[in-house]
Amino acid sequence: MKTGLQKFLAIYLPLSLILTLIGWGGLLIVIQNTVPTLGPRWLFFFLGVLALTGPSLPITYYLNKRFPSDPPVADIVILRQALWVGVFGSTIAWLQLGRVLTPGLALILAGVFALIEFLLRLFERSRWSPKQDI
């Protein structure tokens, strides 16, 4: 059984570094070397998700370990919560390109993402059953 720090160093830190390097490095290349046509624009949004998911992964891991829940979160939940940050950031960038982003819309969008995550966690909690020791 791995401790929390060993698990973080073995799983989350390498994944976070890989996502961050691919995301920010790819964004740098896309912004400097391409014209904003359809393909590079979608690549920009995809790399934006990676660039924001990577740094938010250790933060979501820490918050889930600092404020534990019952049932305890699985590894995929931590990754999904970090992915929500990346999707939110890319959606904000997309709305800003269309000149329709307002602070109220950003708050509503953040609330919708938080509500979706809450409902997913509620669904997981309703299906959870503790393992029986035999």
N, C-alpha and C. Protein backbone atom coordinates (compact mmCIF):
# COMPACT_ATOMS: atom_id res chain seq x y z
N MET A 1 0.85 -1.18 0.00
CA MET A 1 0.00 0.00 0.00
C MET A 1 0.88 1.23 0.00
N LYS A 2 0.67 2.10 -0.95
CA LYS A 2 1.46 3.32 -1.05
C LYS A 2 0.89 4.39 -0.14
N THR A 3 1.79 5.18 0.41
CA THR A 3 1.34 6.32 1.19
C THR A 3 0.90 7.42 0.23
N GLY A 4 0.32 8.48 0.79
CA GLY A 4 -0.16 9.57 -0.04
C GLY A 4 0.93 10.22 -0.86
N LEU A 5 2.09 10.48 -0.24
CA LEU A 5 3.19 11.13 -0.96
C LEU A 5 3.77 10.21 -2.03
N GLN A 6 3.92 8.92 -1.72
CA GLN A 6 4.44 7.99 -2.72
C GLN A 6 3.50 7.88 -3.92
N LYS A 7 2.20 7.86 -3.63
CA LYS A 7 1.23 7.79 -4.71
C LYS A 7 1.28 9.05 -5.57
N PHE A 8 1.40 10.20 -4.91
CA PHE A 8 1.47 11.46 -5.64
C PHE A 8 2.71 11.49 -6.53
N LEU A 9 3.86 11.09 -5.98
CA LEU A 9 5.11 11.12 -6.75
C LEU A 9 5.12 10.08 -7.86
N ALA A 10 4.43 8.96 -7.66
CA ALA A 10 4.45 7.90 -8.67
C ALA A 10 3.43 8.12 -9.78
N ILE A 11 2.28 8.68 -9.44
CA ILE A 11 1.20 8.77 -10.43
C ILE A 11 0.96 10.20 -10.89
N TYR A 12 0.66 11.08 -9.95
CA TYR A 12 0.15 12.40 -10.32
C TYR A 12 1.23 13.37 -10.77
N LEU A 13 2.39 13.36 -10.16
CA LEU A 13 3.43 14.31 -10.55
C LEU A 13 3.92 14.08 -11.98
N PRO A 14 4.25 12.84 -12.38
CA PRO A 14 4.66 12.65 -13.78
C PRO A 14 3.55 13.00 -14.78
N LEU A 15 2.32 12.62 -14.46
CA LEU A 15 1.20 12.95 -15.35
C LEU A 15 1.02 14.46 -15.45
N SER A 16 1.14 15.13 -14.32
CA SER A 16 1.00 16.59 -14.31
C SER A 16 2.10 17.26 -15.13
N LEU A 17 3.32 16.80 -14.98
CA LEU A 17 4.43 17.38 -15.75
C LEU A 17 4.28 17.13 -17.24
N ILE A 18 3.87 15.92 -17.61
CA ILE A 18 3.70 15.60 -19.03
C ILE A 18 2.59 16.45 -19.65
N LEU A 19 1.44 16.54 -18.97
CA LEU A 19 0.34 17.34 -19.50
C LEU A 19 0.72 18.81 -19.60
N THR A 20 1.42 19.31 -18.60
CA THR A 20 1.81 20.72 -18.60
C THR A 20 2.80 21.02 -19.72
N LEU A 21 3.80 20.18 -19.88
CA LEU A 21 4.80 20.42 -20.92
C LEU A 21 4.20 20.31 -22.33
N ILE A 22 3.38 19.28 -22.55
CA ILE A 22 2.76 19.14 -23.87
C ILE A 22 1.81 20.30 -24.13
N GLY A 23 1.01 20.66 -23.12
CA GLY A 23 0.03 21.72 -23.30
C GLY A 23 0.66 23.07 -23.55
N TRP A 24 1.53 23.52 -22.65
CA TRP A 24 2.12 24.85 -22.80
C TRP A 24 3.11 24.91 -23.96
N GLY A 25 3.88 23.83 -24.16
CA GLY A 25 4.80 23.81 -25.31
C GLY A 25 4.05 23.82 -26.63
N GLY A 26 2.98 23.04 -26.71
CA GLY A 26 2.17 23.02 -27.92
C GLY A 26 1.48 24.36 -28.17
N LEU A 27 1.00 24.99 -27.09
CA LEU A 27 0.38 26.31 -27.25
C LEU A 27 1.38 27.33 -27.76
N LEU A 28 2.59 27.27 -27.26
CA LEU A 28 3.63 28.19 -27.73
C LEU A 28 3.89 28.00 -29.22
N ILE A 29 3.98 26.75 -29.64
CA ILE A 29 4.23 26.47 -31.05
C ILE A 29 3.04 26.90 -31.91
N VAL A 30 1.83 26.60 -31.47
CA VAL A 30 0.64 26.95 -32.24
C VAL A 30 0.49 28.47 -32.35
N ILE A 31 0.70 29.18 -31.27
CA ILE A 31 0.53 30.64 -31.30
C ILE A 31 1.59 31.31 -32.17
N GLN A 32 2.82 30.83 -32.12
CA GLN A 32 3.90 31.48 -32.86
C GLN A 32 3.98 31.08 -34.33
N ASN A 33 3.54 29.88 -34.66
CA ASN A 33 3.83 29.37 -36.01
C ASN A 33 2.62 29.10 -36.89
N THR A 34 1.43 29.42 -36.45
CA THR A 34 0.27 29.11 -37.28
C THR A 34 -0.63 30.32 -37.44
N VAL A 35 -1.48 30.23 -38.44
CA VAL A 35 -2.52 31.22 -38.68
C VAL A 35 -3.80 30.66 -38.06
N PRO A 36 -4.64 31.51 -37.44
CA PRO A 36 -5.81 30.96 -36.74
C PRO A 36 -6.93 30.51 -37.67
N THR A 37 -6.66 29.48 -38.44
CA THR A 37 -7.71 28.86 -39.24
C THR A 37 -8.36 27.76 -38.40
N LEU A 38 -9.22 26.97 -39.01
CA LEU A 38 -10.02 26.02 -38.25
C LEU A 38 -9.18 24.98 -37.51
N GLY A 39 -8.24 24.34 -38.18
CA GLY A 39 -7.42 23.30 -37.55
C GLY A 39 -6.59 23.80 -36.38
N PRO A 40 -5.76 24.83 -36.59
CA PRO A 40 -4.98 25.35 -35.47
C PRO A 40 -5.83 25.92 -34.33
N ARG A 41 -7.00 26.41 -34.66
CA ARG A 41 -7.86 26.94 -33.59
C ARG A 41 -8.35 25.81 -32.69
N TRP A 42 -8.78 24.70 -33.27
CA TRP A 42 -9.19 23.56 -32.45
C TRP A 42 -8.00 22.97 -31.70
N LEU A 43 -6.82 22.97 -32.32
CA LEU A 43 -5.62 22.51 -31.64
C LEU A 43 -5.30 23.42 -30.46
N PHE A 44 -5.53 24.72 -30.61
CA PHE A 44 -5.33 25.67 -29.53
C PHE A 44 -6.22 25.31 -28.33
N PHE A 45 -7.49 25.01 -28.58
CA PHE A 45 -8.40 24.67 -27.49
C PHE A 45 -8.02 23.35 -26.83
N PHE A 46 -7.64 22.37 -27.65
CA PHE A 46 -7.22 21.08 -27.10
C PHE A 46 -5.98 21.23 -26.23
N LEU A 47 -4.98 21.94 -26.74
CA LEU A 47 -3.76 22.14 -25.97
C LEU A 47 -4.03 23.02 -24.74
N GLY A 48 -5.00 23.91 -24.83
CA GLY A 48 -5.38 24.70 -23.67
C GLY A 48 -5.94 23.83 -22.56
N VAL A 49 -6.73 22.83 -22.92
CA VAL A 49 -7.24 21.89 -21.92
C VAL A 49 -6.07 21.17 -21.24
N LEU A 50 -5.12 20.69 -22.04
CA LEU A 50 -3.96 20.00 -21.46
C LEU A 50 -3.13 20.94 -20.59
N ALA A 51 -2.94 22.17 -21.06
CA ALA A 51 -2.10 23.13 -20.34
C ALA A 51 -2.70 23.51 -19.00
N LEU A 52 -4.00 23.53 -18.89
CA LEU A 52 -4.63 23.88 -17.62
C LEU A 52 -4.90 22.66 -16.74
N THR A 53 -5.08 21.50 -17.34
CA THR A 53 -5.30 20.28 -16.56
C THR A 53 -4.03 19.87 -15.82
N GLY A 54 -2.88 20.01 -16.46
CA GLY A 54 -1.62 19.61 -15.84
C GLY A 54 -1.34 20.30 -14.52
N PRO A 55 -1.32 21.63 -14.47
CA PRO A 55 -1.06 22.29 -13.18
C PRO A 55 -2.18 22.13 -12.15
N SER A 56 -3.40 21.91 -12.60
CA SER A 56 -4.49 21.77 -11.63
C SER A 56 -4.57 20.38 -11.03
N LEU A 57 -3.87 19.41 -11.61
CA LEU A 57 -3.90 18.05 -11.09
C LEU A 57 -3.35 17.95 -9.67
N PRO A 58 -2.17 18.50 -9.35
CA PRO A 58 -1.71 18.44 -7.96
C PRO A 58 -2.61 19.21 -7.00
N ILE A 59 -3.22 20.28 -7.48
CA ILE A 59 -4.10 21.07 -6.61
C ILE A 59 -5.35 20.28 -6.26
N THR A 60 -5.96 19.63 -7.25
CA THR A 60 -7.14 18.82 -6.96
C THR A 60 -6.80 17.62 -6.10
N TYR A 61 -5.61 17.03 -6.31
CA TYR A 61 -5.17 15.92 -5.45
C TYR A 61 -5.06 16.39 -4.01
N TYR A 62 -4.41 17.54 -3.81
CA TYR A 62 -4.24 18.07 -2.46
C TYR A 62 -5.59 18.38 -1.82
N LEU A 63 -6.49 19.02 -2.55
CA LEU A 63 -7.79 19.38 -1.98
C LEU A 63 -8.61 18.14 -1.62
N ASN A 64 -8.52 17.09 -2.44
CA ASN A 64 -9.26 15.87 -2.13
C ASN A 64 -8.66 15.11 -0.96
N LYS A 65 -7.35 15.22 -0.76
CA LYS A 65 -6.74 14.58 0.40
C LYS A 65 -6.91 15.42 1.66
N ARG A 66 -6.94 16.74 1.50
CA ARG A 66 -7.10 17.64 2.64
C ARG A 66 -8.53 17.61 3.17
N PHE A 67 -9.50 17.51 2.27
CA PHE A 67 -10.91 17.45 2.65
C PHE A 67 -11.49 16.12 2.17
N PRO A 68 -11.25 15.04 2.91
CA PRO A 68 -11.69 13.72 2.44
C PRO A 68 -13.21 13.60 2.45
N SER A 69 -13.69 12.70 1.63
CA SER A 69 -15.13 12.45 1.54
C SER A 69 -15.39 10.97 1.80
N ASP A 70 -16.66 10.66 1.96
CA ASP A 70 -17.05 9.28 2.15
C ASP A 70 -18.04 8.93 1.05
N PRO A 71 -17.76 8.12 0.12
CA PRO A 71 -16.58 7.27 -0.01
C PRO A 71 -15.37 8.06 -0.48
N PRO A 72 -14.18 7.54 -0.21
CA PRO A 72 -12.98 8.24 -0.67
C PRO A 72 -12.94 8.32 -2.20
N VAL A 73 -12.36 9.40 -2.69
CA VAL A 73 -12.33 9.59 -4.14
C VAL A 73 -11.38 8.61 -4.80
N ALA A 74 -11.75 8.18 -5.98
CA ALA A 74 -10.88 7.31 -6.77
C ALA A 74 -9.92 8.18 -7.58
N ASP A 75 -8.92 7.56 -8.14
CA ASP A 75 -7.94 8.30 -8.93
C ASP A 75 -8.59 8.97 -10.13
N ILE A 76 -9.57 8.32 -10.73
CA ILE A 76 -10.21 8.88 -11.92
C ILE A 76 -11.01 10.13 -11.57
N VAL A 77 -11.51 10.22 -10.35
CA VAL A 77 -12.27 11.40 -9.94
C VAL A 77 -11.35 12.60 -9.84
N ILE A 78 -10.15 12.40 -9.31
CA ILE A 78 -9.19 13.49 -9.21
C ILE A 78 -8.80 13.98 -10.60
N LEU A 79 -8.59 13.05 -11.51
CA LEU A 79 -8.27 13.43 -12.89
C LEU A 79 -9.45 14.15 -13.54
N ARG A 80 -10.67 13.68 -13.29
CA ARG A 80 -11.85 14.32 -13.87
C ARG A 80 -12.01 15.74 -13.34
N GLN A 81 -11.77 15.95 -12.06
CA GLN A 81 -11.91 17.28 -11.49
C GLN A 81 -10.85 18.23 -12.05
N ALA A 82 -9.64 17.73 -12.27
CA ALA A 82 -8.62 18.56 -12.89
C ALA A 82 -8.97 18.85 -14.35
N LEU A 83 -9.58 17.89 -15.00
CA LEU A 83 -10.00 18.08 -16.38
C LEU A 83 -11.09 19.14 -16.49
N TRP A 84 -11.96 19.24 -15.49
CA TRP A 84 -12.98 20.29 -15.49
C TRP A 84 -12.34 21.67 -15.53
N VAL A 85 -11.22 21.83 -14.84
CA VAL A 85 -10.52 23.12 -14.85
C VAL A 85 -10.04 23.44 -16.26
N GLY A 86 -9.46 22.44 -16.94
CA GLY A 86 -9.01 22.65 -18.31
C GLY A 86 -10.14 22.95 -19.27
N VAL A 87 -11.24 22.23 -19.15
CA VAL A 87 -12.39 22.47 -20.02
C VAL A 87 -12.97 23.85 -19.75
N PHE A 88 -13.04 24.25 -18.48
CA PHE A 88 -13.55 25.58 -18.14
C PHE A 88 -12.66 26.67 -18.75
N GLY A 89 -11.34 26.51 -18.64
CA GLY A 89 -10.43 27.50 -19.20
C GLY A 89 -10.53 27.61 -20.71
N SER A 90 -10.64 26.48 -21.40
CA SER A 90 -10.78 26.52 -22.86
C SER A 90 -12.12 27.09 -23.28
N THR A 91 -13.15 26.80 -22.52
CA THR A 91 -14.46 27.37 -22.83
C THR A 91 -14.46 28.88 -22.64
N ILE A 92 -13.79 29.35 -21.60
CA ILE A 92 -13.66 30.78 -21.37
C ILE A 92 -12.90 31.44 -22.53
N ALA A 93 -11.82 30.79 -22.99
CA ALA A 93 -11.05 31.32 -24.12
C ALA A 93 -11.91 31.36 -25.39
N TRP A 94 -12.70 30.31 -25.61
CA TRP A 94 -13.57 30.26 -26.77
C TRP A 94 -14.61 31.37 -26.73
N LEU A 95 -15.21 31.58 -25.57
CA LEU A 95 -16.20 32.65 -25.45
C LEU A 95 -15.56 34.02 -25.61
N GLN A 96 -14.33 34.17 -25.14
CA GLN A 96 -13.64 35.46 -25.28
C GLN A 96 -13.31 35.75 -26.75
N LEU A 97 -12.98 34.73 -27.52
CA LEU A 97 -12.71 34.94 -28.95
C LEU A 97 -13.96 35.43 -29.67
N GLY A 98 -15.12 34.97 -29.24
CA GLY A 98 -16.36 35.41 -29.84
C GLY A 98 -16.88 36.72 -29.26
N ARG A 99 -16.17 37.29 -28.32
CA ARG A 99 -16.53 38.55 -27.65
C ARG A 99 -17.90 38.48 -26.96
N VAL A 100 -18.21 37.32 -26.38
CA VAL A 100 -19.48 37.18 -25.66
C VAL A 100 -19.27 36.89 -24.18
N LEU A 101 -18.02 36.82 -23.73
CA LEU A 101 -17.74 36.49 -22.33
C LEU A 101 -17.99 37.69 -21.43
N THR A 102 -18.76 37.47 -20.38
CA THR A 102 -18.98 38.47 -19.35
C THR A 102 -18.65 37.81 -18.01
N PRO A 103 -18.39 38.61 -16.98
CA PRO A 103 -18.13 37.99 -15.66
C PRO A 103 -19.31 37.15 -15.17
N GLY A 104 -20.52 37.60 -15.43
CA GLY A 104 -21.68 36.82 -15.02
C GLY A 104 -21.76 35.48 -15.74
N LEU A 105 -21.47 35.48 -17.04
CA LEU A 105 -21.48 34.24 -17.80
C LEU A 105 -20.40 33.29 -17.31
N ALA A 106 -19.23 33.83 -16.97
CA ALA A 106 -18.15 32.99 -16.43
C ALA A 106 -18.56 32.36 -15.10
N LEU A 107 -19.23 33.11 -14.24
CA LEU A 107 -19.70 32.57 -12.97
C LEU A 107 -20.79 31.51 -13.17
N ILE A 108 -21.70 31.77 -14.10
CA ILE A 108 -22.73 30.78 -14.39
C ILE A 108 -22.11 29.50 -14.93
N LEU A 109 -21.15 29.62 -15.82
CA LEU A 109 -20.47 28.46 -16.39
C LEU A 109 -19.72 27.68 -15.30
N ALA A 110 -19.03 28.39 -14.41
CA ALA A 110 -18.34 27.72 -13.30
C ALA A 110 -19.35 27.01 -12.40
N GLY A 111 -20.48 27.64 -12.16
CA GLY A 111 -21.52 27.00 -11.35
C GLY A 111 -22.09 25.76 -12.01
N VAL A 112 -22.25 25.80 -13.32
CA VAL A 112 -22.76 24.63 -14.05
C VAL A 112 -21.77 23.48 -13.96
N PHE A 113 -20.48 23.78 -14.15
CA PHE A 113 -19.47 22.72 -14.04
C PHE A 113 -19.42 22.16 -12.62
N ALA A 114 -19.52 23.02 -11.61
CA ALA A 114 -19.53 22.55 -10.22
C ALA A 114 -20.76 21.70 -9.95
N LEU A 115 -21.91 22.08 -10.51
CA LEU A 115 -23.13 21.30 -10.33
C LEU A 115 -23.01 19.93 -11.00
N ILE A 116 -22.44 19.89 -12.19
CA ILE A 116 -22.26 18.60 -12.87
C ILE A 116 -21.36 17.69 -12.05
N GLU A 117 -20.26 18.24 -11.52
CA GLU A 117 -19.35 17.43 -10.70
C GLU A 117 -20.05 16.97 -9.42
N PHE A 118 -20.83 17.85 -8.81
CA PHE A 118 -21.57 17.47 -7.60
C PHE A 118 -22.54 16.33 -7.89
N LEU A 119 -23.26 16.41 -9.00
CA LEU A 119 -24.20 15.35 -9.35
C LEU A 119 -23.48 14.04 -9.68
N LEU A 120 -22.34 14.12 -10.33
CA LEU A 120 -21.55 12.90 -10.59
C LEU A 120 -21.09 12.26 -9.29
N ARG A 121 -20.61 13.08 -8.36
CA ARG A 121 -20.18 12.55 -7.06
C ARG A 121 -21.36 11.98 -6.29
N LEU A 122 -22.52 12.61 -6.39
CA LEU A 122 -23.72 12.10 -5.73
C LEU A 122 -24.11 10.75 -6.30
N PHE A 123 -24.02 10.61 -7.61
CA PHE A 123 -24.31 9.33 -8.26
C PHE A 123 -23.32 8.26 -7.80
N GLU A 124 -22.03 8.61 -7.74
CA GLU A 124 -21.03 7.64 -7.28
C GLU A 124 -21.26 7.24 -5.84
N ARG A 125 -21.64 8.19 -5.00
CA ARG A 125 -21.88 7.91 -3.59
C ARG A 125 -23.08 6.99 -3.43
N SER A 126 -24.09 7.13 -4.27
CA SER A 126 -25.28 6.28 -4.15
C SER A 126 -25.00 4.85 -4.58
N ARG A 127 -24.02 4.63 -5.40
CA ARG A 127 -23.69 3.29 -5.88
C ARG A 127 -22.57 2.64 -5.10
N TRP A 128 -21.96 3.35 -4.15
CA TRP A 128 -20.81 2.84 -3.41
C TRP A 128 -21.25 1.85 -2.36
N SER A 129 -20.51 0.76 -2.25
CA SER A 129 -20.72 -0.18 -1.15
C SER A 129 -19.35 -0.58 -0.63
N PRO A 130 -19.18 -0.57 0.70
CA PRO A 130 -17.87 -0.91 1.25
C PRO A 130 -17.52 -2.36 0.94
N LYS A 131 -16.24 -2.61 0.78
CA LYS A 131 -15.78 -3.98 0.52
C LYS A 131 -15.92 -4.80 1.78
N GLN A 132 -16.44 -5.99 1.61
CA GLN A 132 -16.64 -6.89 2.74
C GLN A 132 -15.39 -7.73 2.94
N ASP A 133 -14.89 -7.79 4.16
CA ASP A 133 -13.75 -8.65 4.48
C ASP A 133 -14.24 -10.06 4.72
N ILE A 134 -13.65 -10.99 3.97
CA ILE A 134 -14.08 -12.40 4.10
C ILE A 134 -12.97 -13.17 4.77
